N, C-alpha and C. Protein backbone atom coordinates (compact mmCIF):
# COMPACT_ATOMS: atom_id res chain seq x y z
N MET A 1 24.73 70.84 20.15
CA MET A 1 24.56 70.02 21.15
C MET A 1 25.42 68.85 20.14
N VAL A 2 26.65 68.00 20.42
CA VAL A 2 27.01 67.20 20.02
C VAL A 2 26.84 66.15 20.02
N ALA A 3 26.24 66.04 21.37
CA ALA A 3 25.73 63.95 21.67
C ALA A 3 24.97 64.11 22.82
N VAL A 4 23.77 63.27 22.63
CA VAL A 4 22.65 63.20 24.15
C VAL A 4 22.60 61.60 24.42
N HIS A 5 23.09 61.10 25.41
CA HIS A 5 23.83 59.88 25.59
C HIS A 5 22.24 59.58 26.88
N SER A 6 21.71 58.35 27.03
CA SER A 6 20.37 58.12 28.42
C SER A 6 21.28 58.09 28.88
N LEU A 7 21.09 57.53 30.59
CA LEU A 7 21.07 56.99 31.63
C LEU A 7 20.33 56.31 32.18
N ARG A 8 20.69 55.71 33.48
CA ARG A 8 19.50 55.29 33.97
C ARG A 8 18.33 55.05 33.14
N ARG A 9 18.27 54.17 32.63
CA ARG A 9 16.94 53.41 31.86
C ARG A 9 16.43 54.74 31.08
N GLY A 10 17.06 55.99 30.56
CA GLY A 10 16.24 56.81 30.44
C GLY A 10 15.78 57.87 31.29
N ALA A 11 16.14 57.79 32.63
CA ALA A 11 15.59 59.12 33.64
C ALA A 11 16.28 60.25 33.59
N ALA A 12 17.73 59.54 32.95
CA ALA A 12 18.86 60.75 32.93
C ALA A 12 19.48 60.93 31.59
N GLU A 13 20.36 61.95 31.34
CA GLU A 13 21.08 62.58 30.42
C GLU A 13 22.40 62.67 31.14
N ALA A 14 23.47 62.24 29.70
CA ALA A 14 24.55 62.46 29.40
C ALA A 14 24.69 63.44 28.04
N ILE A 15 25.08 64.60 28.25
CA ILE A 15 25.20 65.50 26.99
C ILE A 15 26.92 66.27 26.99
N GLU A 16 27.43 66.11 25.81
CA GLU A 16 28.51 66.78 25.17
C GLU A 16 27.98 68.60 24.90
N ALA A 17 28.26 68.99 24.74
CA ALA A 17 27.87 70.49 24.01
C ALA A 17 29.21 71.32 24.26
N VAL A 18 29.27 72.06 22.51
CA VAL A 18 30.46 72.83 22.45
C VAL A 18 30.06 74.19 22.34
N ALA A 19 30.67 75.19 22.97
CA ALA A 19 30.64 76.61 23.35
C ALA A 19 30.91 77.30 22.35
N HIS A 20 30.10 77.68 22.14
CA HIS A 20 30.62 78.70 20.72
C HIS A 20 30.43 80.33 20.91
N GLY A 21 30.86 81.38 20.25
CA GLY A 21 30.62 82.57 20.68
C GLY A 21 31.74 83.44 21.60
N ASP A 22 31.11 85.21 22.11
CA ASP A 22 32.19 85.49 23.11
C ASP A 22 31.19 85.89 24.00
N PRO A 23 31.66 86.64 24.97
CA PRO A 23 30.82 86.83 26.39
C PRO A 23 29.81 87.78 25.96
N LYS A 24 29.80 88.30 24.84
CA LYS A 24 28.78 89.25 24.50
C LYS A 24 27.54 88.42 23.91
N THR A 25 28.49 86.93 23.37
CA THR A 25 26.63 86.42 22.62
C THR A 25 26.44 85.27 22.64
N SER A 26 27.36 84.62 24.44
CA SER A 26 27.09 83.68 24.60
C SER A 26 26.44 83.66 26.27
N LYS A 27 25.97 82.56 26.57
CA LYS A 27 25.58 82.84 28.32
C LYS A 27 26.47 82.18 28.72
N VAL A 28 27.38 81.44 28.64
CA VAL A 28 28.47 80.27 28.74
C VAL A 28 30.00 81.11 28.64
N VAL A 29 30.13 81.49 27.57
CA VAL A 29 31.92 81.49 27.23
C VAL A 29 32.21 82.77 27.93
N GLY A 30 33.23 82.61 28.54
CA GLY A 30 33.99 83.76 29.36
C GLY A 30 33.21 83.67 30.65
N ARG A 31 32.84 83.11 30.99
CA ARG A 31 31.98 82.83 32.58
C ARG A 31 32.34 81.28 33.39
N ALA A 32 32.60 81.66 34.57
CA ALA A 32 32.85 80.64 35.32
C ALA A 32 31.70 80.15 35.89
N LEU A 33 31.88 79.04 35.98
CA LEU A 33 30.69 78.05 36.37
C LEU A 33 29.77 78.57 37.58
N GLN A 34 30.58 78.93 38.93
CA GLN A 34 29.22 79.56 39.49
C GLN A 34 28.74 80.75 38.83
N ASP A 35 29.21 81.07 37.84
CA ASP A 35 28.38 82.71 37.34
C ASP A 35 27.27 82.28 36.59
N ILE A 36 27.10 81.03 36.12
CA ILE A 36 25.97 80.58 34.69
C ILE A 36 24.83 79.56 35.85
N LYS A 37 24.02 80.45 35.31
CA LYS A 37 22.93 79.58 36.01
C LYS A 37 22.36 78.20 35.15
N LEU A 38 22.70 77.43 35.64
CA LEU A 38 22.20 75.96 35.31
C LEU A 38 21.12 75.37 35.15
N PRO A 39 20.12 74.61 34.65
CA PRO A 39 18.87 74.11 34.57
C PRO A 39 18.79 73.40 36.14
N ALA A 40 17.77 73.45 37.28
CA ALA A 40 17.64 72.94 37.99
C ALA A 40 18.21 71.40 37.74
N GLY A 41 19.06 70.27 38.52
CA GLY A 41 19.44 69.25 38.28
C GLY A 41 20.84 68.97 37.42
N THR A 42 20.84 70.37 36.76
CA THR A 42 22.21 69.71 35.61
C THR A 42 23.39 70.37 36.47
N THR A 43 24.19 69.04 36.46
CA THR A 43 25.98 69.60 36.64
C THR A 43 26.71 69.21 35.66
N ILE A 44 27.73 70.54 35.70
CA ILE A 44 28.73 70.12 34.31
C ILE A 44 30.24 69.16 34.97
N GLY A 45 30.27 67.95 34.33
CA GLY A 45 31.24 67.02 34.54
C GLY A 45 32.66 67.71 34.67
N ALA A 46 32.92 68.14 33.30
CA ALA A 46 34.53 68.04 32.89
C ALA A 46 34.10 68.67 31.43
N ILE A 47 35.26 69.47 31.10
CA ILE A 47 35.17 70.57 29.69
C ILE A 47 36.14 69.74 28.97
N VAL A 48 36.47 69.42 27.58
CA VAL A 48 37.38 69.12 26.90
C VAL A 48 37.76 69.71 26.24
N ARG A 49 38.71 70.78 26.27
CA ARG A 49 39.47 71.50 25.39
C ARG A 49 40.56 70.99 25.01
N GLY A 50 40.98 71.04 23.63
CA GLY A 50 42.07 70.66 22.63
C GLY A 50 42.20 69.20 23.26
N ASP A 51 43.51 68.67 23.41
CA ASP A 51 43.21 67.64 24.08
C ASP A 51 43.77 67.00 25.20
N GLU A 52 42.74 68.39 26.15
CA GLU A 52 43.09 68.50 27.52
C GLU A 52 41.63 67.78 27.69
N VAL A 53 41.61 67.17 29.01
CA VAL A 53 40.16 67.06 29.83
C VAL A 53 40.33 67.34 31.34
N ILE A 54 39.69 68.71 31.42
CA ILE A 54 39.45 69.42 32.32
C ILE A 54 38.58 68.80 33.73
N ILE A 55 38.70 68.38 34.52
CA ILE A 55 37.92 68.23 35.89
C ILE A 55 37.56 69.52 36.17
N VAL A 56 36.22 69.99 36.42
CA VAL A 56 35.79 71.20 36.53
C VAL A 56 35.62 71.81 38.17
N HIS A 57 35.41 73.26 38.59
CA HIS A 57 35.52 73.41 39.43
C HIS A 57 34.82 74.60 39.72
N HIS A 58 34.35 75.56 40.68
CA HIS A 58 33.61 76.17 40.30
C HIS A 58 34.43 77.96 39.98
N ASP A 59 35.31 77.60 39.72
CA ASP A 59 35.91 79.02 39.18
C ASP A 59 36.48 78.45 37.42
N THR A 60 36.40 77.27 37.22
CA THR A 60 36.41 77.08 35.99
C THR A 60 35.80 78.15 34.99
N VAL A 61 36.49 78.78 34.05
CA VAL A 61 35.99 79.64 33.16
C VAL A 61 35.65 78.89 31.35
N ILE A 62 34.47 78.63 31.09
CA ILE A 62 34.48 78.29 29.88
C ILE A 62 34.91 79.36 28.39
N GLU A 63 35.58 78.44 27.40
CA GLU A 63 36.43 79.36 26.36
C GLU A 63 35.57 78.61 25.10
N SER A 64 35.57 79.72 24.39
CA SER A 64 34.86 79.05 23.14
C SER A 64 35.43 78.22 22.48
N GLY A 65 35.24 77.00 22.07
CA GLY A 65 35.29 76.01 21.29
C GLY A 65 35.39 74.68 22.35
N ASP A 66 35.11 75.04 23.85
CA ASP A 66 35.37 73.68 24.61
C ASP A 66 33.79 72.80 24.68
N HIS A 67 34.52 71.70 24.50
CA HIS A 67 33.42 70.58 24.66
C HIS A 67 32.86 70.88 26.22
N VAL A 68 31.52 70.95 26.33
CA VAL A 68 31.36 70.86 27.87
C VAL A 68 30.52 69.20 28.12
N ILE A 69 30.83 68.73 29.44
CA ILE A 69 30.19 67.40 29.57
C ILE A 69 29.01 67.73 30.38
N LEU A 70 27.78 67.25 30.20
CA LEU A 70 26.70 67.64 31.18
C LEU A 70 26.19 66.56 31.82
N PHE A 71 25.79 66.78 33.14
CA PHE A 71 24.33 65.27 33.34
C PHE A 71 23.76 66.33 33.93
N LEU A 72 22.53 65.45 33.06
CA LEU A 72 21.03 66.04 33.75
C LEU A 72 19.94 64.89 34.73
N VAL A 73 19.84 65.28 35.78
CA VAL A 73 18.92 63.90 36.62
C VAL A 73 17.84 64.08 35.44
N ASP A 74 17.11 64.89 34.90
CA ASP A 74 15.90 65.59 34.50
C ASP A 74 15.92 65.53 33.04
N LYS A 75 15.61 64.51 32.15
CA LYS A 75 16.26 64.15 30.85
C LYS A 75 15.31 65.72 29.85
N ARG A 76 13.81 66.40 30.66
CA ARG A 76 13.03 67.15 29.82
C ARG A 76 13.73 68.48 30.14
N ARG A 77 14.68 68.63 30.70
CA ARG A 77 15.94 69.97 31.07
C ARG A 77 16.81 70.67 30.18
N VAL A 78 16.60 69.06 28.42
CA VAL A 78 17.77 68.80 28.14
C VAL A 78 17.17 70.28 26.75
N VAL A 79 16.30 70.83 26.63
CA VAL A 79 15.81 71.41 25.80
C VAL A 79 16.18 73.06 26.22
N ASP A 80 16.50 73.13 28.22
CA ASP A 80 16.97 74.10 28.83
C ASP A 80 18.29 74.34 28.57
N VAL A 81 19.23 73.19 28.28
CA VAL A 81 20.42 73.02 28.14
C VAL A 81 20.92 73.71 27.13
N GLU A 82 20.08 73.02 25.63
CA GLU A 82 20.23 73.38 24.45
C GLU A 82 20.55 75.12 24.55
N ARG A 83 18.86 75.69 24.93
CA ARG A 83 18.95 77.12 24.81
C ARG A 83 20.00 78.01 25.67
N LEU A 84 20.87 77.32 26.39
CA LEU A 84 21.64 77.75 27.53
C LEU A 84 23.23 78.22 26.17
N PHE A 85 23.13 76.98 25.67
CA PHE A 85 24.62 77.31 24.71
C PHE A 85 24.06 77.80 23.33
N GLN A 86 23.12 78.01 23.26
CA GLN A 86 22.74 78.81 21.84
C GLN A 86 23.41 80.54 22.21
N VAL A 87 24.20 80.75 20.87
CA VAL A 87 24.72 82.05 20.79
C VAL A 87 23.33 83.02 20.04
N GLY A 88 23.80 83.97 20.61
CA GLY A 88 22.85 85.45 20.15
C GLY A 88 22.98 85.61 18.52
N VAL A 89 22.18 86.30 18.45
CA VAL A 89 22.05 86.93 16.39
C VAL A 89 23.03 87.56 16.19
N THR A 90 23.90 88.35 16.80
CA THR A 90 24.71 88.91 16.95
C THR A 90 26.29 88.21 16.55
N PHE A 91 26.30 87.18 17.00
CA PHE A 91 27.43 86.59 16.84
C PHE A 91 27.79 86.02 15.43
N LEU A 92 28.87 86.13 14.98
CA LEU A 92 29.23 86.40 13.36
C LEU A 92 30.17 85.24 13.16
């Protein structure tokens, strides 16, 4: 996680998470958004890849190093999003 910002007077969250790893060690890297099981009430709004901001679609594939902008309607799901972006122990 790079940053978490409260929205709607603390009722929701905006998160910037950096994707690390590879398709073997990450639950998000190398996968299209439609194939990622996001926590309930979570939406990916954009990806920042280098100097480019990408408005995502269902077939957008997340790459290692991408900064992923997520919106959560339930701030209790922040921990679930953190787990989603963790890399496996085999990542070097």
